[in-house]
Amino acid sequence: MTADKLTIRNIRARAVMPPFKRPPVSASGALPHAALILIDLETEQGLTGRSYLFGFAAWTLKPIIGCVEAMRDLMVRAKLYVEGSGATATAARLKPIRSRSISPHRRRSLSA
């Protein structure tokens, strides 16, 4: 294995509910706590990457953690790796995929 490949060893996910200093208000009411999932991605080479997911409400945390754990099992079993050289390249490859919005023209054709 070259130094440019980082093999995923483990992914850990844990739920936290820190309070907001100024709770945001939605149509459902005020959100006094942030429902967050903290994620640690460990590599065989000893590097650890950290990220988080916002779950909106406490009831969403357990299902999201279940999804992360299922992905971990698949990724570790498949011996997936990340290519790149240095932390910058690795971080660029591990960024979350941004969802694309649907154009108004496409929305009309979907509803027809």
C-alpha atoms as a PDB file:
ATOM      1  CA  MET A   1       0.000   0.000   0.000  1.00  0.00           C
ATOM      2  CA  THR A   2       1.359   3.416  -0.898  1.00  0.00           C
ATOM      3  CA  ALA A   3       1.349   6.433   1.386  1.00  0.00           C
ATOM      4  CA  ASP A   4      -1.326   8.010  -0.821  1.00  0.00           C
ATOM      5  CA  LYS A   5      -3.988   5.479   0.212  1.00  0.00           C
ATOM      6  CA  LEU A   6      -5.748   5.573   3.571  1.00  0.00           C
ATOM      7  CA  THR A   7      -7.647   2.406   4.493  1.00  0.00           C
ATOM      8  CA  ILE A   8     -10.776   2.893   6.602  1.00  0.00           C
ATOM      9  CA  ARG A   9     -10.522   0.929   9.853  1.00  0.00           C
ATOM     10  CA  ASN A  10     -13.583   2.105  11.775  1.00  0.00           C
ATOM     11  CA  ILE A  11     -16.337   4.699  11.862  1.00  0.00           C
ATOM     12  CA  ARG A  12     -17.836   5.660  15.216  1.00  0.00           C
ATOM     13  CA  ALA A  13     -21.031   7.674  15.656  1.00  0.00           C
ATOM     14  CA  ARG A  14     -22.444   9.054  18.895  1.00  0.00           C
ATOM     15  CA  ALA A  15     -25.392  11.311  19.679  1.00  0.00           C
ATOM     16  CA  VAL A  16     -25.163  14.535  21.659  1.00  0.00           C
ATOM     17  CA  MET A  17     -27.799  17.135  22.553  1.00  0.00           C
ATOM     18  CA  PRO A  18     -26.011  20.407  23.400  1.00  0.00           C
ATOM     19  CA  PRO A  19     -28.246  23.385  24.242  1.00  0.00           C
ATOM     20  CA  PHE A  20     -28.528  26.372  21.910  1.00  0.00           C
ATOM     21  CA  LYS A  21     -27.583  29.752  23.372  1.00  0.00           C
ATOM     22  CA  ARG A  22     -30.415  31.280  21.341  1.00  0.00           C
ATOM     23  CA  PRO A  23     -32.872  28.514  20.348  1.00  0.00           C
ATOM     24  CA  PRO A  24     -34.033  28.784  16.726  1.00  0.00           C
ATOM     25  CA  VAL A  25     -37.781  28.718  16.158  1.00  0.00           C
ATOM     26  CA  SER A  26     -39.427  26.663  13.410  1.00  0.00           C
ATOM     27  CA  ALA A  27     -43.063  26.090  12.504  1.00  0.00           C
ATOM     28  CA  SER A  28     -42.997  23.223  15.033  1.00  0.00           C
ATOM     29  CA  GLY A  29     -41.790  25.509  17.835  1.00  0.00           C
ATOM     30  CA  ALA A  30     -38.489  26.387  19.494  1.00  0.00           C
ATOM     31  CA  LEU A  31     -35.550  23.973  19.318  1.00  0.00           C
ATOM     32  CA  PRO A  32     -33.852  24.189  22.745  1.00  0.00           C
ATOM     33  CA  HIS A  33     -31.188  21.583  21.873  1.00  0.00           C
ATOM     34  CA  ALA A  34     -29.154  20.707  18.782  1.00  0.00           C
ATOM     35  CA  ALA A  35     -29.617  17.032  17.872  1.00  0.00           C
ATOM     36  CA  LEU A  36     -26.118  16.174  16.628  1.00  0.00           C
ATOM     37  CA  ILE A  37     -24.307  12.986  15.661  1.00  0.00           C
ATOM     38  CA  LEU A  38     -20.537  13.184  16.089  1.00  0.00           C
ATOM     39  CA  ILE A  39     -18.641  10.960  13.641  1.00  0.00           C
ATOM     40  CA  ASP A  40     -15.034   9.735  13.861  1.00  0.00           C
ATOM     41  CA  LEU A  41     -13.498   7.989  10.842  1.00  0.00           C
ATOM     42  CA  GLU A  42     -10.327   6.057  11.771  1.00  0.00           C
ATOM     43  CA  THR A  43      -7.768   4.794   9.269  1.00  0.00           C
ATOM     44  CA  GLU A  44      -5.293   1.913   9.434  1.00  0.00           C
ATOM     45  CA  GLN A  45      -2.535   4.524   9.090  1.00  0.00           C
ATOM     46  CA  GLY A  46      -3.489   6.154  12.415  1.00  0.00           C
ATOM     47  CA  LEU A  47      -5.285   9.254  11.103  1.00  0.00           C
ATOM     48  CA  THR A  48      -8.730  10.177  12.421  1.00  0.00           C
ATOM     49  CA  GLY A  49     -11.199  12.446  10.634  1.00  0.00           C
ATOM     50  CA  ARG A  50     -14.100  14.055  12.464  1.00  0.00           C
ATOM     51  CA  SER A  51     -17.446  15.362  11.278  1.00  0.00           C
ATOM     52  CA  TYR A  52     -21.006  15.869  12.479  1.00  0.00           C
ATOM     53  CA  LEU A  53     -24.579  15.546  11.253  1.00  0.00           C
ATOM     54  CA  PHE A  54     -27.517  17.680  12.386  1.00  0.00           C
ATOM     55  CA  GLY A  55     -30.553  15.518  13.085  1.00  0.00           C
ATOM     56  CA  PHE A  56     -33.113  18.332  13.744  1.00  0.00           C
ATOM     57  CA  ALA A  57     -34.902  16.429  16.556  1.00  0.00           C
ATOM     58  CA  ALA A  58     -33.945  13.889  19.215  1.00  0.00           C
ATOM     59  CA  TRP A  59     -36.080  11.148  17.645  1.00  0.00           C
ATOM     60  CA  THR A  60     -33.933  11.275  14.454  1.00  0.00           C
ATOM     61  CA  LEU A  61     -30.655  10.411  16.198  1.00  0.00           C
ATOM     62  CA  LYS A  62     -31.090   6.652  16.621  1.00  0.00           C
ATOM     63  CA  PRO A  63     -32.096   5.967  12.968  1.00  0.00           C
ATOM     64  CA  ILE A  64     -29.247   8.139  11.642  1.00  0.00           C
ATOM     65  CA  ILE A  65     -26.709   6.361  13.855  1.00  0.00           C
ATOM     66  CA  GLY A  66     -28.115   3.036  12.587  1.00  0.00           C
ATOM     67  CA  CYS A  67     -27.493   4.163   8.992  1.00  0.00           C
ATOM     68  CA  VAL A  68     -23.934   5.294   9.793  1.00  0.00           C
ATOM     69  CA  GLU A  69     -23.194   1.960  11.503  1.00  0.00           C
ATOM     70  CA  ALA A  70     -24.574   0.014   8.531  1.00  0.00           C
ATOM     71  CA  MET A  71     -22.376   2.043   6.158  1.00  0.00           C
ATOM     72  CA  ARG A  72     -19.411   1.416   8.450  1.00  0.00           C
ATOM     73  CA  ASP A  73     -19.962  -2.346   8.294  1.00  0.00           C
ATOM     74  CA  LEU A  74     -20.080  -2.259   4.485  1.00  0.00           C
ATOM     75  CA  MET A  75     -17.053   0.031   4.132  1.00  0.00           C
ATOM     76  CA  VAL A  76     -14.832  -1.831   6.602  1.00  0.00           C
ATOM     77  CA  ARG A  77     -15.784  -5.229   5.160  1.00  0.00           C
ATOM     78  CA  ALA A  78     -15.004  -4.017   1.629  1.00  0.00           C
ATOM     79  CA  LYS A  79     -11.642  -2.563   2.781  1.00  0.00           C
ATOM     80  CA  LEU A  80     -12.393   0.779   1.162  1.00  0.00           C
ATOM     81  CA  TYR A  81      -9.706   3.412   1.051  1.00  0.00           C
ATOM     82  CA  VAL A  82      -9.367   7.080   0.326  1.00  0.00           C
ATOM     83  CA  GLU A  83      -6.806   8.250  -2.213  1.00  0.00           C
ATOM     84  CA  GLY A  84      -4.879  11.462  -1.874  1.00  0.00           C
ATOM     85  CA  SER A  85      -1.665  12.866  -0.556  1.00  0.00           C
ATOM     86  CA  GLY A  86      -1.734  14.767   2.685  1.00  0.00           C
ATOM     87  CA  ALA A  87      -4.573  15.938   4.881  1.00  0.00           C
ATOM     88  CA  THR A  88      -5.874  18.459   2.344  1.00  0.00           C
ATOM     89  CA  ALA A  89      -6.479  15.864  -0.370  1.00  0.00           C
ATOM     90  CA  THR A  90      -8.036  13.457   2.131  1.00  0.00           C
ATOM     91  CA  ALA A  91     -10.350  16.119   3.530  1.00  0.00           C
ATOM     92  CA  ALA A  92     -11.436  17.066   0.016  1.00  0.00           C
ATOM     93  CA  ARG A  93     -12.395  13.452  -0.729  1.00  0.00           C
ATOM     94  CA  LEU A  94     -14.345  13.055   2.543  1.00  0.00           C
ATOM     95  CA  LYS A  95     -16.550  16.127   2.149  1.00  0.00           C
ATOM     96  CA  PRO A  96     -20.279  15.444   2.207  1.00  0.00           C
ATOM     97  CA  ILE A  97     -22.123  15.260  -1.100  1.00  0.00           C
ATOM     98  CA  ARG A  98     -24.269  18.355  -1.528  1.00  0.00           C
ATOM     99  CA  SER A  99     -27.800  17.788  -2.767  1.00  0.00           C
ATOM    100  CA  ARG A 100     -28.780  19.542  -5.959  1.00  0.00           C
ATOM    101  CA  SER A 101     -31.982  21.531  -6.007  1.00  0.00           C
ATOM    102  CA  ILE A 102     -34.565  20.744  -8.675  1.00  0.00           C
ATOM    103  CA  SER A 103     -35.189  23.559 -11.129  1.00  0.00           C
ATOM    104  CA  PRO A 104     -38.738  25.032 -11.317  1.00  0.00           C
ATOM    105  CA  HIS A 105     -39.091  23.626 -14.858  1.00  0.00           C
ATOM    106  CA  ARG A 106     -38.236  20.127 -13.647  1.00  0.00           C
ATOM    107  CA  ARG A 107     -40.688  20.428 -10.712  1.00  0.00           C
ATOM    108  CA  ARG A 108     -43.550  21.209 -13.104  1.00  0.00           C
ATOM    109  CA  SER A 109     -42.781  18.166 -15.251  1.00  0.00           C
ATOM    110  CA  LEU A 110     -42.614  15.926 -12.159  1.00  0.00           C
ATOM    111  CA  SER A 111     -46.031  17.083 -10.910  1.00  0.00           C
ATOM    112  CA  ALA A 112     -47.736  16.716 -14.312  1.00  0.00           C
END
